[in-house]
C-alpha atoms as a PDB file:
ATOM      1  CA  MET A   1      72.435  58.536 367.942  1.00  0.00           C
ATOM      2  CA  SER A   2      71.880  55.197 366.235  1.00  0.00           C
ATOM      3  CA  VAL A   3      68.821  53.016 366.610  1.00  0.00           C
ATOM      4  CA  GLU A   4      69.784  50.248 369.026  1.00  0.00           C
ATOM      5  CA  VAL A   5      69.105  46.528 369.200  1.00  0.00           C
ATOM      6  CA  GLY A   6      65.848  45.981 371.082  1.00  0.00           C
ATOM      7  CA  SER A   7      64.285  49.291 370.070  1.00  0.00           C
ATOM      8  CA  THR A   8      61.303  49.746 367.775  1.00  0.00           C
ATOM      9  CA  ALA A   9      62.409  50.580 364.241  1.00  0.00           C
ATOM     10  CA  PRO A  10      61.320  54.068 363.183  1.00  0.00           C
ATOM     11  CA  ASP A  11      58.643  53.822 360.508  1.00  0.00           C
ATOM     12  CA  PHE A  12      59.010  55.531 357.149  1.00  0.00           C
ATOM     13  CA  THR A  13      57.616  55.686 353.642  1.00  0.00           C
ATOM     14  CA  LEU A  14      59.964  56.263 350.697  1.00  0.00           C
ATOM     15  CA  LEU A  15      59.776  55.976 346.910  1.00  0.00           C
ATOM     16  CA  ASP A  16      61.496  53.031 345.256  1.00  0.00           C
ATOM     17  CA  GLN A  17      63.202  52.927 341.862  1.00  0.00           C
ATOM     18  CA  ASN A  18      59.771  52.596 340.208  1.00  0.00           C
ATOM     19  CA  ARG A  19      58.458  55.656 342.066  1.00  0.00           C
ATOM     20  CA  GLU A  20      56.174  53.441 344.160  1.00  0.00           C
ATOM     21  CA  GLN A  21      55.784  54.058 347.885  1.00  0.00           C
ATOM     22  CA  VAL A  22      57.259  51.501 350.261  1.00  0.00           C
ATOM     23  CA  THR A  23      56.367  51.691 353.959  1.00  0.00           C
ATOM     24  CA  LEU A  24      58.447  49.819 356.519  1.00  0.00           C
ATOM     25  CA  SER A  25      55.479  49.027 358.787  1.00  0.00           C
ATOM     26  CA  SER A  26      53.655  47.325 355.900  1.00  0.00           C
ATOM     27  CA  PHE A  27      55.887  44.285 356.534  1.00  0.00           C
ATOM     28  CA  ARG A  28      54.969  43.966 360.238  1.00  0.00           C
ATOM     29  CA  GLY A  29      53.340  40.695 361.110  1.00  0.00           C
ATOM     30  CA  ASP A  30      54.448  39.240 357.782  1.00  0.00           C
ATOM     31  CA  ARG A  31      58.217  39.410 357.224  1.00  0.00           C
ATOM     32  CA  ALA A  32      61.387  40.587 358.872  1.00  0.00           C
ATOM     33  CA  VAL A  33      63.202  43.406 357.049  1.00  0.00           C
ATOM     34  CA  LEU A  34      66.896  43.671 356.233  1.00  0.00           C
ATOM     35  CA  LEU A  35      67.323  47.454 355.957  1.00  0.00           C
ATOM     36  CA  ILE A  36      70.565  48.489 354.272  1.00  0.00           C
ATOM     37  CA  PHE A  37      71.716  52.103 354.013  1.00  0.00           C
ATOM     38  CA  TYR A  38      74.455  52.807 351.474  1.00  0.00           C
ATOM     39  CA  PRO A  39      76.193  56.081 350.534  1.00  0.00           C
ATOM     40  CA  LEU A  40      75.732  56.420 346.753  1.00  0.00           C
ATOM     41  CA  ALA A  41      74.703  54.456 343.683  1.00  0.00           C
ATOM     42  CA  PHE A  42      77.329  53.535 341.089  1.00  0.00           C
ATOM     43  CA  THR A  43      80.248  53.680 343.527  1.00  0.00           C
ATOM     44  CA  GLU A  44      82.579  50.698 343.716  1.00  0.00           C
ATOM     45  CA  THR A  45      81.989  49.577 347.300  1.00  0.00           C
ATOM     46  CA  CYS A  46      78.227  50.188 347.209  1.00  0.00           C
ATOM     47  CA  THR A  47      77.870  48.337 343.917  1.00  0.00           C
ATOM     48  CA  GLY A  48      79.945  45.461 345.294  1.00  0.00           C
ATOM     49  CA  GLU A  49      77.832  45.154 348.432  1.00  0.00           C
ATOM     50  CA  LEU A  50      74.543  45.283 346.538  1.00  0.00           C
ATOM     51  CA  CYS A  51      75.808  42.816 343.916  1.00  0.00           C
ATOM     52  CA  ALA A  52      76.773  40.389 346.710  1.00  0.00           C
ATOM     53  CA  LEU A  53      73.242  40.798 348.034  1.00  0.00           C
ATOM     54  CA  SER A  54      71.777  40.249 344.571  1.00  0.00           C
ATOM     55  CA  ASP A  55      73.964  37.209 343.873  1.00  0.00           C
ATOM     56  CA  ASP A  56      72.541  35.429 346.938  1.00  0.00           C
ATOM     57  CA  LEU A  57      69.136  37.115 347.013  1.00  0.00           C
ATOM     58  CA  PRO A  58      67.089  34.058 348.116  1.00  0.00           C
ATOM     59  CA  THR A  59      69.072  34.027 351.369  1.00  0.00           C
ATOM     60  CA  PHE A  60      68.326  37.680 352.055  1.00  0.00           C
ATOM     61  CA  GLN A  61      64.865  38.105 350.521  1.00  0.00           C
ATOM     62  CA  ASN A  62      62.272  35.359 350.677  1.00  0.00           C
ATOM     63  CA  ASP A  63      58.903  34.596 352.226  1.00  0.00           C
ATOM     64  CA  ARG A  64      60.332  35.399 355.701  1.00  0.00           C
ATOM     65  CA  VAL A  65      62.615  38.384 354.997  1.00  0.00           C
ATOM     66  CA  GLN A  66      62.313  41.504 352.799  1.00  0.00           C
ATOM     67  CA  VAL A  67      65.342  43.521 351.682  1.00  0.00           C
ATOM     68  CA  LEU A  68      65.054  47.315 351.596  1.00  0.00           C
ATOM     69  CA  THR A  69      68.057  49.380 350.523  1.00  0.00           C
ATOM     70  CA  VAL A  70      68.238  53.145 351.056  1.00  0.00           C
ATOM     71  CA  SER A  71      70.452  55.972 349.803  1.00  0.00           C
ATOM     72  CA  VAL A  72      70.085  59.717 349.257  1.00  0.00           C
ATOM     73  CA  ASP A  73      70.034  59.199 345.473  1.00  0.00           C
ATOM     74  CA  SER A  74      66.867  60.072 343.539  1.00  0.00           C
ATOM     75  CA  PRO A  75      64.378  57.426 342.357  1.00  0.00           C
ATOM     76  CA  TYR A  76      65.554  58.146 338.801  1.00  0.00           C
ATOM     77  CA  THR A  77      69.156  57.343 339.700  1.00  0.00           C
ATOM     78  CA  HIS A  78      67.998  54.190 341.459  1.00  0.00           C
ATOM     79  CA  LYS A  79      66.047  53.119 338.377  1.00  0.00           C
ATOM     80  CA  ILE A  80      69.111  53.318 336.140  1.00  0.00           C
ATOM     81  CA  PHE A  81      71.284  51.658 338.804  1.00  0.00           C
ATOM     82  CA  SER A  82      68.825  48.786 339.350  1.00  0.00           C
ATOM     83  CA  VAL A  83      68.392  48.150 335.621  1.00  0.00           C
ATOM     84  CA  ARG A  84      72.131  48.280 334.938  1.00  0.00           C
ATOM     85  CA  GLU A  85      72.953  45.881 337.776  1.00  0.00           C
ATOM     86  CA  GLY A  86      69.824  43.698 337.570  1.00  0.00           C
ATOM     87  CA  TYR A  87      68.773  44.340 341.174  1.00  0.00           C
ATOM     88  CA  GLU A  88      65.464  42.709 342.115  1.00  0.00           C
ATOM     89  CA  PHE A  89      64.910  44.400 345.459  1.00  0.00           C
ATOM     90  CA  PRO A  90      63.712  47.896 346.385  1.00  0.00           C
ATOM     91  CA  LEU A  91      66.182  50.758 346.175  1.00  0.00           C
ATOM     92  CA  LEU A  92      64.564  53.496 348.236  1.00  0.00           C
ATOM     93  CA  SER A  93      65.207  57.190 347.791  1.00  0.00           C
ATOM     94  CA  ASP A  94      65.973  59.190 350.932  1.00  0.00           C
ATOM     95  CA  PHE A  95      66.391  62.239 348.691  1.00  0.00           C
ATOM     96  CA  TRP A  96      63.957  64.642 350.357  1.00  0.00           C
ATOM     97  CA  PRO A  97      63.962  65.647 353.054  1.00  0.00           C
ATOM     98  CA  HIS A  98      67.603  64.964 352.358  1.00  0.00           C
ATOM     99  CA  GLY A  99      68.704  61.923 354.355  1.00  0.00           C
ATOM    100  CA  GLY A 100      65.686  62.165 356.664  1.00  0.00           C
ATOM    101  CA  VAL A 101      65.306  58.422 357.182  1.00  0.00           C
ATOM    102  CA  ALA A 102      69.054  57.877 357.564  1.00  0.00           C
ATOM    103  CA  GLN A 103      68.944  60.580 360.242  1.00  0.00           C
ATOM    104  CA  LEU A 104      66.128  58.720 362.067  1.00  0.00           C
ATOM    105  CA  TYR A 105      68.348  55.639 362.202  1.00  0.00           C
ATOM    106  CA  GLY A 106      71.548  57.488 363.148  1.00  0.00           C
ATOM    107  CA  ALA A 107      73.065  56.485 359.826  1.00  0.00           C
ATOM    108  CA  PHE A 108      73.420  59.915 358.202  1.00  0.00           C
ATOM    109  CA  ASN A 109      76.850  61.413 357.610  1.00  0.00           C
ATOM    110  CA  GLU A 110      76.282  65.148 358.125  1.00  0.00           C
ATOM    111  CA  GLN A 111      79.689  66.170 356.790  1.00  0.00           C
ATOM    112  CA  ALA A 112      79.336  64.302 353.498  1.00  0.00           C
ATOM    113  CA  GLY A 113      75.552  64.645 353.105  1.00  0.00           C
ATOM    114  CA  ILE A 114      75.152  60.905 352.479  1.00  0.00           C
ATOM    115  CA  ALA A 115      74.233  57.806 354.461  1.00  0.00           C
ATOM    116  CA  ASN A 116      76.875  55.885 356.306  1.00  0.00           C
ATOM    117  CA  ARG A 117      76.862  52.128 355.745  1.00  0.00           C
ATOM    118  CA  GLY A 118      74.136  51.104 358.146  1.00  0.00           C
ATOM    119  CA  THR A 119      72.485  47.693 358.369  1.00  0.00           C
ATOM    120  CA  PHE A 120      69.451  46.964 360.526  1.00  0.00           C
ATOM    121  CA  LEU A 121      67.626  43.651 360.797  1.00  0.00           C
ATOM    122  CA  ILE A 122      64.074  44.248 361.976  1.00  0.00           C
ATOM    123  CA  ASP A 123      61.866  41.382 363.138  1.00  0.00           C
ATOM    124  CA  VAL A 124      58.210  40.838 362.187  1.00  0.00           C
ATOM    125  CA  ASP A 125      57.122  42.854 365.238  1.00  0.00           C
ATOM    126  CA  GLY A 126      59.173  45.893 364.176  1.00  0.00           C
ATOM    127  CA  ILE A 127      61.934  45.386 366.752  1.00  0.00           C
ATOM    128  CA  VAL A 128      65.566  45.919 365.719  1.00  0.00           C
ATOM    129  CA  ARG A 129      67.535  42.694 366.238  1.00  0.00           C
ATOM    130  CA  PHE A 130      70.868  43.503 364.534  1.00  0.00           C
ATOM    131  CA  VAL A 131      72.729  46.775 363.944  1.00  0.00           C
ATOM    132  CA  GLU A 132      75.899  47.447 361.999  1.00  0.00           C
ATOM    133  CA  LEU A 133      77.214  50.970 361.349  1.00  0.00           C
ATOM    134  CA  ASN A 134      80.282  51.679 359.245  1.00  0.00           C
ATOM    135  CA  SER A 135      81.738  54.806 357.704  1.00  0.00           C
ATOM    136  CA  PRO A 136      81.198  55.367 353.964  1.00  0.00           C
ATOM    137  CA  SER A 137      84.705  54.085 353.219  1.00  0.00           C
ATOM    138  CA  GLU A 138      84.362  50.912 355.316  1.00  0.00           C
ATOM    139  CA  GLY A 139      82.713  48.051 353.421  1.00  0.00           C
ATOM    140  CA  ARG A 140      80.555  45.398 355.050  1.00  0.00           C
ATOM    141  CA  ASP A 141      80.650  41.619 354.934  1.00  0.00           C
ATOM    142  CA  PRO A 142      77.306  40.151 353.788  1.00  0.00           C
ATOM    143  CA  GLN A 143      78.125  37.026 355.791  1.00  0.00           C
ATOM    144  CA  ASP A 144      77.327  39.052 358.917  1.00  0.00           C
ATOM    145  CA  TRP A 145      73.846  39.677 357.458  1.00  0.00           C
ATOM    146  CA  ARG A 146      73.407  35.952 356.704  1.00  0.00           C
ATOM    147  CA  ASP A 147      74.404  35.085 360.261  1.00  0.00           C
ATOM    148  CA  ALA A 148      71.988  37.645 361.750  1.00  0.00           C
ATOM    149  CA  ILE A 149      69.115  36.368 359.577  1.00  0.00           C
ATOM    150  CA  THR A 150      69.893  32.746 360.501  1.00  0.00           C
ATOM    151  CA  GLU A 151      69.917  33.656 364.198  1.00  0.00           C
ATOM    152  CA  LEU A 152      66.665  35.619 363.905  1.00  0.00           C
ATOM    153  CA  LEU A 153      64.871  32.882 362.008  1.00  0.00           C
ATOM    154  CA  GLY A 154      66.136  30.145 364.312  1.00  0.00           C
ATOM    155  CA  GLY A 155      68.476  28.205 362.099  1.00  0.00           C
END
């Protein structure tokens, strides 16, 4: 079952591409969080989505919003991926327990052992304000994320 709009976002702590811990609740009271689950690093659709995010990063990550991306890849894979693509946002490893955070959000694909394409916009109080869940093969439109952020931030 997916986390729903209006519910409290499940808290978690994961390692980023620099092997530093990132905790969702550390942003409460400070910034909203755009939480993006993606299936696997280096794949065409995932790379395209994250590059679109990177190309317009000030819209998605600024003093009011923090981007956190999550996949089941290891921190080492994320490091190479982030360096190769020039990503300047956290790529979090949901490697072990395998897909545990994706499972908390209802974004884990049990059959494939990877995250589905899940997007959650969480406000400064930790409440989920936008949810989008797609299969691994179904890409997302970053314009939907822009629209949700604009609505959340009031224009």
